[in-house]
Amino acid sequence: MGDGVELWLRRAGGPLLGGLFVMALAVAREHWWLPLRVLVLLAGVAGLVMCGVETWRLVRGGESASAALDRLEAEAGAGEDR
């Protein structure tokens, strides 16, 4: 269970938090030009959609959580070696 939560946090948690932050920024900045606020708000919504897409991929994927975590750590390790 813990592997699944860690995998979700790594894959989908980032877009979720990023999307919420960007949406809060768009709502909080009252002095911004309205079309800019709408664009920033839409960027936040896109982050939330990406979170949903990643969650759907994780739920529907046939790979176990521990195998997916091992693959992600191997990819991160290979990226650091370059």
Protein backbone atom coordinates (compact mmCIF):
# COMPACT_ATOMS: atom_id res chain seq x y z
CA MET A 1 0.00 0.00 0.00
CA GLY A 2 2.81 2.39 0.90
CA ASP A 3 4.48 1.84 -2.47
CA GLY A 4 1.28 2.83 -4.25
CA VAL A 5 0.99 6.04 -2.24
CA GLU A 6 4.64 6.93 -2.86
CA LEU A 7 4.24 6.23 -6.57
CA TRP A 8 1.12 8.41 -6.75
CA LEU A 9 2.89 11.25 -4.91
CA ARG A 10 5.83 11.09 -7.31
CA ARG A 11 3.78 10.85 -10.51
CA ALA A 12 0.54 12.72 -9.83
CA GLY A 13 1.13 14.70 -6.63
CA GLY A 14 3.37 17.25 -8.33
CA PRO A 15 0.87 18.28 -11.01
CA LEU A 16 -1.87 18.40 -8.36
CA LEU A 17 0.03 20.73 -6.04
CA GLY A 18 1.34 22.81 -8.93
CA GLY A 19 -2.14 23.19 -10.40
CA LEU A 20 -3.64 24.20 -7.07
CA PHE A 21 -0.85 26.73 -6.47
CA VAL A 22 -1.27 28.31 -9.90
CA MET A 23 -5.05 28.48 -9.52
CA ALA A 24 -4.70 30.12 -6.09
CA LEU A 25 -2.24 32.61 -7.56
CA ALA A 26 -4.72 33.54 -10.31
CA VAL A 27 -7.53 34.05 -7.81
CA ALA A 28 -5.41 36.01 -5.32
CA ARG A 29 -4.00 38.55 -7.78
CA GLU A 30 -6.85 41.02 -8.13
CA HIS A 31 -4.75 43.74 -9.76
CA TRP A 32 -3.72 41.54 -12.72
CA TRP A 33 -5.24 42.08 -16.13
CA LEU A 34 -8.33 39.82 -16.42
CA PRO A 35 -7.27 37.83 -19.53
CA LEU A 36 -3.94 37.07 -17.83
CA ARG A 37 -5.76 35.84 -14.73
CA VAL A 38 -7.95 33.60 -16.88
CA LEU A 39 -4.89 32.16 -18.66
CA VAL A 40 -3.15 31.46 -15.36
CA LEU A 41 -6.34 29.86 -14.02
CA LEU A 42 -6.55 27.65 -17.11
CA ALA A 43 -2.92 26.61 -16.60
CA GLY A 44 -3.88 25.51 -13.09
CA VAL A 45 -6.82 23.54 -14.45
CA ALA A 46 -4.43 21.87 -16.91
CA GLY A 47 -2.30 20.79 -13.94
CA LEU A 48 -5.34 19.25 -12.28
CA VAL A 49 -6.23 17.44 -15.50
CA MET A 50 -2.67 16.08 -15.70
CA CYS A 51 -3.06 14.79 -12.15
CA GLY A 52 -6.23 12.98 -13.18
CA VAL A 53 -4.56 11.52 -16.26
CA GLU A 54 -1.59 10.24 -14.28
CA THR A 55 -3.90 8.79 -11.62
CA TRP A 56 -5.90 7.03 -14.33
CA ARG A 57 -2.70 5.61 -15.85
CA LEU A 58 -1.55 4.36 -12.46
CA VAL A 59 -4.88 2.75 -11.67
CA ARG A 60 -5.26 1.14 -15.09
CA GLY A 61 -1.60 0.19 -15.54
CA GLY A 62 -0.76 -3.48 -15.22
CA GLU A 63 2.58 -2.81 -13.53
CA SER A 64 2.84 -3.27 -9.76
CA ALA A 65 3.63 -0.25 -7.64
CA SER A 66 6.96 -1.62 -6.40
CA ALA A 67 8.11 -2.43 -9.96
CA ALA A 68 7.08 1.05 -11.15
CA LEU A 69 8.98 2.66 -8.26
CA ASP A 70 12.07 0.61 -9.06
CA ARG A 71 11.84 1.72 -12.71
CA LEU A 72 11.44 5.40 -11.71
CA GLU A 73 14.44 5.22 -9.38
CA ALA A 74 16.52 3.55 -12.10
CA GLU A 75 15.57 6.31 -14.56
CA ALA A 76 16.46 8.98 -11.99
CA GLY A 77 19.78 7.29 -11.32
CA ALA A 78 20.55 7.11 -15.03
CA GLY A 79 19.73 10.82 -15.39
CA GLU A 80 22.19 11.74 -12.62
CA ASP A 81 25.02 9.79 -14.24
CA ARG A 82 24.91 11.92 -17.38
